PDB file of N, CA and C in Angstrom:
ATOM      1  N   MET A   1      80.103 124.477  65.906  1.00  0.00           N
ATOM      2  CA  MET A   1      81.561 124.307  66.620  1.00  0.00           C
ATOM      3  C   MET A   1      82.165 123.274  65.634  1.00  0.00           C
ATOM      4  N   THR A   2      83.291 123.524  65.661  1.00  0.00           N
ATOM      5  CA  THR A   2      84.448 122.735  65.072  1.00  0.00           C
ATOM      6  C   THR A   2      84.569 121.168  65.926  1.00  0.00           C
ATOM      7  N   ILE A   3      85.063 120.324  64.972  1.00  0.00           N
ATOM      8  CA  ILE A   3      85.182 118.960  65.341  1.00  0.00           C
ATOM      9  C   ILE A   3      86.604 119.046  66.291  1.00  0.00           C
ATOM     10  N   GLN A   4      86.620 118.512  67.524  1.00  0.00           N
ATOM     11  CA  GLN A   4      87.725 118.838  68.461  1.00  0.00           C
ATOM     12  C   GLN A   4      88.797 117.466  68.324  1.00  0.00           C
ATOM     13  N   ASP A   5      90.088 117.629  67.987  1.00  0.00           N
ATOM     14  CA  ASP A   5      90.705 116.455  67.988  1.00  0.00           C
ATOM     15  C   ASP A   5      91.296 116.080  69.203  1.00  0.00           C
ATOM     16  N   THR A   6      90.981 115.331  70.142  1.00  0.00           N
ATOM     17  CA  THR A   6      91.511 115.257  71.756  1.00  0.00           C
ATOM     18  C   THR A   6      92.456 114.051  71.525  1.00  0.00           C
ATOM     19  N   THR A   7      93.051 113.889  70.473  1.00  0.00           N
ATOM     20  CA  THR A   7      94.245 112.946  70.367  1.00  0.00           C
ATOM     21  C   THR A   7      95.574 113.757  70.519  1.00  0.00           C
ATOM     22  N   ARG A   8      95.257 114.976  70.358  1.00  0.00           N
ATOM     23  CA  ARG A   8      96.314 115.731  70.316  1.00  0.00           C
ATOM     24  C   ARG A   8      96.384 116.736  71.847  1.00  0.00           C
ATOM     25  N   ARG A   9      97.649 117.079  72.307  1.00  0.00           N
ATOM     26  CA  ARG A   9      97.497 118.007  73.777  1.00  0.00           C
ATOM     27  C   ARG A   9      97.252 119.299  73.191  1.00  0.00           C
ATOM     28  N   LEU A  10      96.533 119.971  74.232  1.00  0.00           N
ATOM     29  CA  LEU A  10      96.475 121.384  74.013  1.00  0.00           C
ATOM     30  C   LEU A  10      97.603 122.138  74.266  1.00  0.00           C
ATOM     31  N   ARG A  11      97.463 123.186  73.783  1.00  0.00           N
ATOM     32  CA  ARG A  11      99.045 124.215  73.863  1.00  0.00           C
ATOM     33  C   ARG A  11      98.975 124.520  75.507  1.00  0.00           C
ATOM     34  N   PRO A  12     100.064 124.641  76.027  1.00  0.00           N
ATOM     35  CA  PRO A  12     100.114 125.149  77.337  1.00  0.00           C
ATOM     36  C   PRO A  12      99.501 126.680  77.440  1.00  0.00           C
ATOM     37  N   GLN A  13      99.774 127.269  76.330  1.00  0.00           N
ATOM     38  CA  GLN A  13      99.140 128.849  76.340  1.00  0.00           C
ATOM     39  C   GLN A  13      97.626 128.626  76.393  1.00  0.00           C
ATOM     40  N   THR A  14      97.102 127.869  75.861  1.00  0.00           N
ATOM     41  CA  THR A  14      95.580 127.531  75.956  1.00  0.00           C
ATOM     42  C   THR A  14      95.061 127.098  77.192  1.00  0.00           C
ATOM     43  N   ILE A  15      95.909 126.165  77.871  1.00  0.00           N
ATOM     44  CA  ILE A  15      95.385 125.644  79.127  1.00  0.00           C
ATOM     45  C   ILE A  15      95.554 126.693  80.199  1.00  0.00           C
ATOM     46  N   SER A  16      96.707 127.440  80.239  1.00  0.00           N
ATOM     47  CA  SER A  16      96.886 128.583  80.834  1.00  0.00           C
ATOM     48  C   SER A  16      95.488 129.783  80.885  1.00  0.00           C
ATOM     49  N   GLN A  17      95.230 130.189  79.774  1.00  0.00           N
ATOM     50  CA  GLN A  17      93.841 130.832  79.524  1.00  0.00           C
ATOM     51  C   GLN A  17      92.898 130.383  80.012  1.00  0.00           C
ATOM     52  N   ASP A  18      92.618 128.792  79.855  1.00  0.00           N
ATOM     53  CA  ASP A  18      91.544 128.461  80.500  1.00  0.00           C
ATOM     54  C   ASP A  18      91.717 128.586  81.659  1.00  0.00           C
ATOM     55  N   ILE A  19      92.704 128.423  82.729  1.00  0.00           N
ATOM     56  CA  ILE A  19      92.628 128.594  84.078  1.00  0.00           C
ATOM     57  C   ILE A  19      92.642 129.955  84.404  1.00  0.00           C
ATOM     58  N   ASP A  20      93.176 130.911  83.677  1.00  0.00           N
ATOM     59  CA  ASP A  20      92.705 132.396  84.020  1.00  0.00           C
ATOM     60  C   ASP A  20      91.344 132.772  83.985  1.00  0.00           C
ATOM     61  N   SER A  21      90.596 132.007  82.882  1.00  0.00           N
ATOM     62  CA  SER A  21      89.049 132.357  82.911  1.00  0.00           C
ATOM     63  C   SER A  21      88.343 131.753  83.915  1.00  0.00           C
ATOM     64  N   PHE A  22      88.766 130.501  84.234  1.00  0.00           N
ATOM     65  CA  PHE A  22      88.083 129.773  85.342  1.00  0.00           C
ATOM     66  C   PHE A  22      88.501 130.642  86.769  1.00  0.00           C
ATOM     67  N   HIS A  23      89.645 131.188  86.871  1.00  0.00           N
ATOM     68  CA  HIS A  23      89.979 132.002  87.948  1.00  0.00           C
ATOM     69  C   HIS A  23      88.882 133.062  88.141  1.00  0.00           C
ATOM     70  N   GLY A  24      88.855 133.999  86.932  1.00  0.00           N
ATOM     71  CA  GLY A  24      88.277 134.840  86.755  1.00  0.00           C
ATOM     72  C   GLY A  24      86.473 134.691  87.281  1.00  0.00           C
ATOM     73  N   LEU A  25      86.156 133.549  86.642  1.00  0.00           N
ATOM     74  CA  LEU A  25      84.729 133.237  86.915  1.00  0.00           C
ATOM     75  C   LEU A  25      84.343 133.194  88.130  1.00  0.00           C
ATOM     76  N   GLN A  26      85.690 132.858  89.113  1.00  0.00           N
ATOM     77  CA  GLN A  26      85.077 132.636  90.520  1.00  0.00           C
ATOM     78  C   GLN A  26      85.018 134.011  91.183  1.00  0.00           C
ATOM     79  N   THR A  27      85.367 134.847  90.768  1.00  0.00           N
ATOM     80  CA  THR A  27      85.019 136.342  91.316  1.00  0.00           C
ATOM     81  C   THR A  27      83.622 136.841  90.864  1.00  0.00           C
ATOM     82  N   VAL A  28      82.747 136.210  90.226  1.00  0.00           N
ATOM     83  CA  VAL A  28      81.917 136.646  89.487  1.00  0.00           C
ATOM     84  C   VAL A  28      80.640 135.843  90.323  1.00  0.00           C
ATOM     85  N   SER A  29      79.977 136.671  91.361  1.00  0.00           N
ATOM     86  CA  SER A  29      79.235 135.963  92.239  1.00  0.00           C
ATOM     87  C   SER A  29      77.792 135.449  91.858  1.00  0.00           C
ATOM     88  N   THR A  30      77.358 136.263  90.844  1.00  0.00           N
ATOM     89  CA  THR A  30      76.078 136.028  90.306  1.00  0.00           C
ATOM     90  C   THR A  30      75.882 134.978  89.102  1.00  0.00           C
ATOM     91  N   TYR A  31      77.020 134.192  88.825  1.00  0.00           N
ATOM     92  CA  TYR A  31      77.229 133.491  87.670  1.00  0.00           C
ATOM     93  C   TYR A  31      76.371 132.368  88.132  1.00  0.00           C
ATOM     94  N   ASN A  32      75.160 132.094  87.049  1.00  0.00           N
ATOM     95  CA  ASN A  32      74.391 131.132  87.157  1.00  0.00           C
ATOM     96  C   ASN A  32      74.266 130.235  85.899  1.00  0.00           C
ATOM     97  N   THR A  33      74.001 129.016  85.549  1.00  0.00           N
ATOM     98  CA  THR A  33      73.909 128.466  84.332  1.00  0.00           C
ATOM     99  C   THR A  33      73.057 126.999  84.506  1.00  0.00           C
ATOM    100  N   THR A  34      72.227 126.602  83.529  1.00  0.00           N
ATOM    101  CA  THR A  34      71.323 125.430  83.516  1.00  0.00           C
ATOM    102  C   THR A  34      72.253 124.362  82.943  1.00  0.00           C
ATOM    103  N   ARG A  35      73.264 124.736  82.180  1.00  0.00           N
ATOM    104  CA  ARG A  35      74.279 124.040  81.444  1.00  0.00           C
ATOM    105  C   ARG A  35      75.056 123.066  82.459  1.00  0.00           C
ATOM    106  N   ALA A  36      74.819 121.590  82.760  1.00  0.00           N
ATOM    107  CA  ALA A  36      75.665 121.173  83.666  1.00  0.00           C
ATOM    108  C   ALA A  36      77.031 121.001  83.624  1.00  0.00           C
ATOM    109  N   ASP A  37      77.431 121.175  82.008  1.00  0.00           N
ATOM    110  CA  ASP A  37      78.943 120.968  81.759  1.00  0.00           C
ATOM    111  C   ASP A  37      79.602 122.401  81.832  1.00  0.00           C
ATOM    112  N   ALA A  38      78.845 123.362  82.234  1.00  0.00           N
ATOM    113  CA  ALA A  38      79.228 124.806  82.583  1.00  0.00           C
ATOM    114  C   ALA A  38      79.066 125.400  83.866  1.00  0.00           C
ATOM    115  N   SER A  39      78.714 124.546  84.748  1.00  0.00           N
ATOM    116  CA  SER A  39      78.560 124.910  86.281  1.00  0.00           C
ATOM    117  C   SER A  39      79.894 124.975  86.781  1.00  0.00           C
ATOM    118  N   THR A  40      79.643 125.698  87.691  1.00  0.00           N
ATOM    119  CA  THR A  40      80.798 126.076  88.757  1.00  0.00           C
ATOM    120  C   THR A  40      81.193 124.670  89.564  1.00  0.00           C
ATOM    121  N   ALA A  41      80.482 123.974  89.741  1.00  0.00           N
ATOM    122  CA  ALA A  41      80.641 122.709  90.325  1.00  0.00           C
ATOM    123  C   ALA A  41      81.317 121.728  89.494  1.00  0.00           C
ATOM    124  N   ASN A  42      80.860 121.519  88.285  1.00  0.00           N
ATOM    125  CA  ASN A  42      81.572 120.814  86.972  1.00  0.00           C
ATOM    126  C   ASN A  42      83.075 121.535  87.121  1.00  0.00           C
ATOM    127  N   LEU A  43      82.933 122.720  86.852  1.00  0.00           N
ATOM    128  CA  LEU A  43      84.373 123.248  86.453  1.00  0.00           C
ATOM    129  C   LEU A  43      85.401 122.929  87.269  1.00  0.00           C
ATOM    130  N   GLN A  44      84.784 123.010  88.807  1.00  0.00           N
ATOM    131  CA  GLN A  44      86.009 122.815  89.762  1.00  0.00           C
ATOM    132  C   GLN A  44      86.335 121.386  89.879  1.00  0.00           C
ATOM    133  N   GLU A  45      85.293 120.555  89.289  1.00  0.00           N
ATOM    134  CA  GLU A  45      85.529 118.866  89.441  1.00  0.00           C
ATOM    135  C   GLU A  45      86.420 118.673  88.350  1.00  0.00           C
ATOM    136  N   VAL A  46      86.489 119.357  87.124  1.00  0.00           N
ATOM    137  CA  VAL A  46      87.179 118.997  86.058  1.00  0.00           C
ATOM    138  C   VAL A  46      88.597 119.548  86.034  1.00  0.00           C
ATOM    139  N   TYR A  47      88.388 120.732  86.808  1.00  0.00           N
ATOM    140  CA  TYR A  47      89.908 121.525  86.852  1.00  0.00           C
ATOM    141  C   TYR A  47      90.832 120.707  88.138  1.00  0.00           C
ATOM    142  N   GLN A  48      90.062 120.129  88.943  1.00  0.00           N
ATOM    143  CA  GLN A  48      90.955 119.179  89.825  1.00  0.00           C
ATOM    144  C   GLN A  48      91.348 118.168  89.248  1.00  0.00           C
ATOM    145  N   ALA A  49      90.316 117.364  88.528  1.00  0.00           N
ATOM    146  CA  ALA A  49      90.746 115.869  87.714  1.00  0.00           C
ATOM    147  C   ALA A  49      92.190 116.348  86.697  1.00  0.00           C
ATOM    148  N   MET A  50      92.098 117.539  86.081  1.00  0.00           N
ATOM    149  CA  MET A  50      92.939 117.630  85.238  1.00  0.00           C
ATOM    150  C   MET A  50      94.573 118.043  86.201  1.00  0.00           C
ATOM    151  N   LEU A  51      94.533 118.590  87.088  1.00  0.00           N
ATOM    152  CA  LEU A  51      95.391 119.030  88.338  1.00  0.00           C
ATOM    153  C   LEU A  51      95.938 117.402  88.455  1.00  0.00           C
ATOM    154  N   ILE A  52      94.960 116.580  89.125  1.00  0.00           N
ATOM    155  CA  ILE A  52      95.523 115.229  89.576  1.00  0.00           C
ATOM    156  C   ILE A  52      96.291 114.318  88.432  1.00  0.00           C
ATOM    157  N   SER A  53      95.630 114.467  87.149  1.00  0.00           N
ATOM    158  CA  SER A  53      95.807 113.770  85.862  1.00  0.00           C
ATOM    159  C   SER A  53      97.330 114.420  85.500  1.00  0.00           C
ATOM    160  N   GLN A  54      97.653 115.527  85.749  1.00  0.00           N
ATOM    161  CA  GLN A  54      99.007 116.270  85.346  1.00  0.00           C
ATOM    162  C   GLN A  54     100.003 116.077  86.132  1.00  0.00           C
ATOM    163  N   GLN A  55      99.701 115.872  87.639  1.00  0.00           N
ATOM    164  CA  GLN A  55     100.615 115.547  88.539  1.00  0.00           C
ATOM    165  C   GLN A  55     100.818 113.880  88.438  1.00  0.00           C
ATOM    166  N   THR A  56      99.806 112.975  87.911  1.00  0.00           N
ATOM    167  CA  THR A  56     100.131 111.648  87.916  1.00  0.00           C
ATOM    168  C   THR A  56     101.085 111.388  86.542  1.00  0.00           C
ATOM    169  N   GLU A  57     100.819 112.119  85.489  1.00  0.00           N
ATOM    170  CA  GLU A  57     101.682 112.266  84.431  1.00  0.00           C
ATOM    171  C   GLU A  57     102.992 112.410  84.772  1.00  0.00           C
ATOM    172  N   THR A  58     103.433 113.361  85.377  1.00  0.00           N
ATOM    173  CA  THR A  58     104.617 114.007  85.551  1.00  0.00           C
ATOM    174  C   THR A  58     105.319 112.829  86.618  1.00  0.00           C
ATOM    175  N   GLU A  59     104.680 112.184  87.678  1.00  0.00           N
ATOM    176  CA  GLU A  59     105.342 110.977  88.352  1.00  0.00           C
ATOM    177  C   GLU A  59     105.750 109.817  87.304  1.00  0.00           C
ATOM    178  N   LYS A  60     104.766 109.626  86.765  1.00  0.00           N
ATOM    179  CA  LYS A  60     105.119 108.350  85.706  1.00  0.00           C
ATOM    180  C   LYS A  60     106.051 108.689  84.804  1.00  0.00           C
ATOM    181  N   LEU A  61     106.153 110.011  84.291  1.00  0.00           N
ATOM    182  CA  LEU A  61     107.404 110.216  83.438  1.00  0.00           C
ATOM    183  C   LEU A  61     108.559 110.220  84.085  1.00  0.00           C
ATOM    184  N   ALA A  62     108.812 110.702  85.296  1.00  0.00           N
ATOM    185  CA  ALA A  62     109.911 110.574  85.956  1.00  0.00           C
ATOM    186  C   ALA A  62     110.230 108.971  86.361  1.00  0.00           C
ATOM    187  N   LEU A  63     109.348 108.142  86.903  1.00  0.00           N
ATOM    188  CA  LEU A  63     109.735 106.612  86.861  1.00  0.00           C
ATOM    189  C   LEU A  63     110.253 106.028  85.471  1.00  0.00           C
ATOM    190  N   TYR A  64     109.529 106.630  84.398  1.00  0.00           N
ATOM    191  CA  TYR A  64     109.835 106.070  83.265  1.00  0.00           C
ATOM    192  C   TYR A  64     111.269 106.450  82.891  1.00  0.00           C
ATOM    193  N   ARG A  65     111.495 108.017  83.259  1.00  0.00           N
ATOM    194  CA  ARG A  65     112.832 108.206  82.790  1.00  0.00           C
ATOM    195  C   ARG A  65     113.650 107.569  83.643  1.00  0.00           C
ATOM    196  N   ALA A  66     113.396 107.117  84.935  1.00  0.00           N
ATOM    197  CA  ALA A  66     114.532 106.671  85.772  1.00  0.00           C
ATOM    198  C   ALA A  66     114.736 105.021  85.260  1.00  0.00           C
ATOM    199  N   ALA A  67     113.467 104.610  85.231  1.00  0.00           N
ATOM    200  CA  ALA A  67     113.807 103.049  84.605  1.00  0.00           C
ATOM    201  C   ALA A  67     114.300 103.053  83.039  1.00  0.00           C
ATOM    202  N   ALA A  68     114.177 103.936  82.272  1.00  0.00           N
ATOM    203  CA  ALA A  68     114.904 104.079  80.785  1.00  0.00           C
ATOM    204  C   ALA A  68     116.452 104.089  81.206  1.00  0.00           C
ATOM    205  N   ASP A  69     117.132 105.013  82.212  1.00  0.00           N
ATOM    206  CA  ASP A  69     118.058 105.383  82.711  1.00  0.00           C
ATOM    207  C   ASP A  69     119.012 104.097  83.247  1.00  0.00           C
ATOM    208  N   ALA A  70     117.898 103.406  83.926  1.00  0.00           N
ATOM    209  CA  ALA A  70     118.365 102.083  84.717  1.00  0.00           C
ATOM    210  C   ALA A  70     118.699 100.860  83.489  1.00  0.00           C
ATOM    211  N   ALA A  71     117.647 100.934  82.650  1.00  0.00           N
ATOM    212  CA  ALA A  71     118.007  99.792  81.464  1.00  0.00           C
ATOM    213  C   ALA A  71     119.425 100.152  80.720  1.00  0.00           C
ATOM    214  N   ARG A  72     119.495 101.681  80.379  1.00  0.00           N
ATOM    215  CA  ARG A  72     120.545 102.121  79.846  1.00  0.00           C
ATOM    216  C   ARG A  72     122.000 101.815  80.353  1.00  0.00           C
ATOM    217  N   LEU A  73     122.110 101.763  81.522  1.00  0.00           N
ATOM    218  CA  LEU A  73     123.259 101.791  82.357  1.00  0.00           C
ATOM    219  C   LEU A  73     123.539  99.955  82.512  1.00  0.00           C
ATOM    220  N   ALA A  74     122.454  99.214  82.599  1.00  0.00           N
ATOM    221  CA  ALA A  74     122.474  97.866  82.701  1.00  0.00           C
ATOM    222  C   ALA A  74     123.005  97.439  81.443  1.00  0.00           C
ATOM    223  N   GLU A  75     122.598  97.858  80.284  1.00  0.00           N
ATOM    224  CA  GLU A  75     123.232  97.542  78.965  1.00  0.00           C
ATOM    225  C   GLU A  75     124.598  97.840  78.623  1.00  0.00           C
ATOM    226  N   TRP A  76     124.861  98.955  79.197  1.00  0.00           N
ATOM    227  CA  TRP A  76     126.381  99.214  79.116  1.00  0.00           C
ATOM    228  C   TRP A  76     127.262  98.427  80.095  1.00  0.00           C
ATOM    229  N   GLU A  77     126.745  98.107  81.267  1.00  0.00           N
ATOM    230  CA  GLU A  77     127.598  97.267  82.155  1.00  0.00           C
ATOM    231  C   GLU A  77     127.614  95.875  81.355  1.00  0.00           C
ATOM    232  N   PHE A  78     126.780  95.311  80.943  1.00  0.00           N
ATOM    233  CA  PHE A  78     126.525  93.860  80.248  1.00  0.00           C
ATOM    234  C   PHE A  78     127.639  94.057  78.926  1.00  0.00           C
ATOM    235  N   HIS A  79     127.631  95.150  78.163  1.00  0.00           N
ATOM    236  CA  HIS A  79     128.353  95.365  77.010  1.00  0.00           C
ATOM    237  C   HIS A  79     129.720  95.403  77.420  1.00  0.00           C
ATOM    238  N   ASN A  80     130.274  96.161  78.590  1.00  0.00           N
ATOM    239  CA  ASN A  80     131.519  96.241  79.107  1.00  0.00           C
ATOM    240  C   ASN A  80     131.911  94.764  79.859  1.00  0.00           C
ATOM    241  N   ALA A  81     131.113  94.171  80.094  1.00  0.00           N
ATOM    242  CA  ALA A  81     131.463  92.918  80.827  1.00  0.00           C
ATOM    243  C   ALA A  81     131.856  91.861  79.554  1.00  0.00           C
ATOM    244  N   VAL A  82     131.220  91.731  78.549  1.00  0.00           N
ATOM    245  CA  VAL A  82     131.351  91.155  77.504  1.00  0.00           C
ATOM    246  C   VAL A  82     132.552  91.609  76.607  1.00  0.00           C
ATOM    247  N   LEU A  83     133.040  92.620  76.720  1.00  0.00           N
ATOM    248  CA  LEU A  83     134.108  93.234  76.162  1.00  0.00           C
ATOM    249  C   LEU A  83     135.459  92.734  77.029  1.00  0.00           C
ATOM    250  N   ALA A  84     135.292  92.709  78.265  1.00  0.00           N
ATOM    251  CA  ALA A  84     136.191  92.144  79.112  1.00  0.00           C
ATOM    252  C   ALA A  84     136.576  90.738  78.833  1.00  0.00           C
ATOM    253  N   MET A  85     135.253  90.047  78.599  1.00  0.00           N
ATOM    254  CA  MET A  85     135.292  88.538  78.544  1.00  0.00           C
ATOM    255  C   MET A  85     136.194  88.391  77.077  1.00  0.00           C
ATOM    256  N   LYS A  86     135.751  89.128  76.282  1.00  0.00           N
ATOM    257  CA  LYS A  86     136.703  88.743  74.926  1.00  0.00           C
ATOM    258  C   LYS A  86     138.084  89.007  75.178  1.00  0.00           C
ATOM    259  N   GLU A  87     138.495  90.106  76.085  1.00  0.00           N
ATOM    260  CA  GLU A  87     139.578  90.336  76.364  1.00  0.00           C
ATOM    261  C   GLU A  87     140.461  89.060  76.944  1.00  0.00           C
ATOM    262  N   VAL A  88     139.900  88.716  78.016  1.00  0.00           N
ATOM    263  CA  VAL A  88     140.323  87.448  78.660  1.00  0.00           C
ATOM    264  C   VAL A  88     140.579  86.216  77.430  1.00  0.00           C
ATOM    265  N   VAL A  89     139.575  86.172  76.931  1.00  0.00           N
ATOM    266  CA  VAL A  89     139.685  84.887  75.768  1.00  0.00           C
ATOM    267  C   VAL A  89     140.948  85.296  74.768  1.00  0.00           C
ATOM    268  N   ARG A  90     140.923  86.443  74.491  1.00  0.00           N
ATOM    269  CA  ARG A  90     141.947  86.793  73.447  1.00  0.00           C
ATOM    270  C   ARG A  90     143.358  86.311  74.244  1.00  0.00           C
ATOM    271  N   GLY A  91     143.379  86.932  75.374  1.00  0.00           N
ATOM    272  CA  GLY A  91     144.257  86.544  76.180  1.00  0.00           C
ATOM    273  C   GLY A  91     144.995  85.105  76.426  1.00  0.00           C
ATOM    274  N   GLN A  92     143.963  84.290  76.776  1.00  0.00           N
ATOM    275  CA  GLN A  92     144.309  83.205  77.091  1.00  0.00           C
ATOM    276  C   GLN A  92     144.266  82.265  75.999  1.00  0.00           C
ATOM    277  N   TYR A  93     143.618  82.497  74.845  1.00  0.00           N
ATOM    278  CA  TYR A  93     143.494  81.605  73.813  1.00  0.00           C
ATOM    279  C   TYR A  93     144.301  82.057  72.477  1.00  0.00           C
ATOM    280  N   GLY A  94     144.362  83.367  72.258  1.00  0.00           N
ATOM    281  CA  GLY A  94     144.925  84.207  71.141  1.00  0.00           C
ATOM    282  C   GLY A  94     143.795  84.329  70.165  1.00  0.00           C
ATOM    283  N   SER A  95     144.035  85.211  69.271  1.00  0.00           N
ATOM    284  CA  SER A  95     142.878  85.574  68.557  1.00  0.00           C
ATOM    285  C   SER A  95     142.547  84.802  67.501  1.00  0.00           C
ATOM    286  N   THR A  96     143.463  83.637  67.220  1.00  0.00           N
ATOM    287  CA  THR A  96     143.396  82.813  65.717  1.00  0.00           C
ATOM    288  C   THR A  96     142.676  81.444  66.530  1.00  0.00           C
ATOM    289  N   ARG A  97     142.243  81.174  67.657  1.00  0.00           N
ATOM    290  CA  ARG A  97     141.795  79.784  68.168  1.00  0.00           C
ATOM    291  C   ARG A  97     140.478  79.640  67.796  1.00  0.00           C
ATOM    292  N   ARG A  98     140.214  78.273  67.728  1.00  0.00           N
ATOM    293  CA  ARG A  98     138.741  78.086  67.418  1.00  0.00           C
ATOM    294  C   ARG A  98     137.761  78.613  68.470  1.00  0.00           C
ATOM    295  N   VAL A  99     138.189  78.815  69.665  1.00  0.00           N
ATOM    296  CA  VAL A  99     136.906  79.672  70.762  1.00  0.00           C
ATOM    297  C   VAL A  99     136.300  80.795  70.199  1.00  0.00           C
ATOM    298  N   TRP A 100     136.911  81.362  69.111  1.00  0.00           N
ATOM    299  CA  TRP A 100     136.522  82.596  68.716  1.00  0.00           C
ATOM    300  C   TRP A 100     135.172  82.377  67.853  1.00  0.00           C
ATOM    301  N   GLY A 101     135.069  81.047  67.210  1.00  0.00           N
ATOM    302  CA  GLY A 101     134.205  80.770  66.453  1.00  0.00           C
ATOM    303  C   GLY A 101     132.659  81.320  66.779  1.00  0.00           C
ATOM    304  N   CYS A 102     132.486  81.195  68.265  1.00  0.00           N
ATOM    305  CA  CYS A 102     131.132  81.265  68.910  1.00  0.00           C
ATOM    306  C   CYS A 102     131.183  82.500  69.035  1.00  0.00           C
ATOM    307  N   MET A 103     132.128  83.506  69.076  1.00  0.00           N
ATOM    308  CA  MET A 103     131.831  85.024  69.163  1.00  0.00           C
ATOM    309  C   MET A 103     132.097  85.988  68.223  1.00  0.00           C
ATOM    310  N   VAL A 104     131.480  86.893  68.419  1.00  0.00           N
ATOM    311  CA  VAL A 104     131.679  87.855  67.133  1.00  0.00           C
ATOM    312  C   VAL A 104     132.751  88.914  67.682  1.00  0.00           C
ATOM    313  N   ARG A 105     133.740  88.838  66.560  1.00  0.00           N
ATOM    314  CA  ARG A 105     134.932  89.583  66.852  1.00  0.00           C
ATOM    315  C   ARG A 105     134.589  91.298  66.972  1.00  0.00           C
ATOM    316  N   VAL A 106     135.450  91.721  67.892  1.00  0.00           N
ATOM    317  CA  VAL A 106     135.479  93.068  68.144  1.00  0.00           C
ATOM    318  C   VAL A 106     136.759  93.518  67.681  1.00  0.00           C
TER     319      VAL A 106
END
């Protein structure tokens, strides 16, 4: 048996084929094994665990994307507020005044 690299994801096609095989096994009423890892009870348990983990991943990815969007928008809002402040300073004090020494020119 080859060494499995469990740090990489399985291809969706492989998972789909595994699910088809598992569903196909459910039609074999005489299937019986002494291998605990290949028992129908274990297969059902790890299949349900996979589905739950995939759902959790999807939910967390959605939360991550929403948080990343919120952070991006907040960065833009802050940036635009700084630009507005610089326009006000430029308008009130001119572009050659000493007040610009503490600000990066835009």
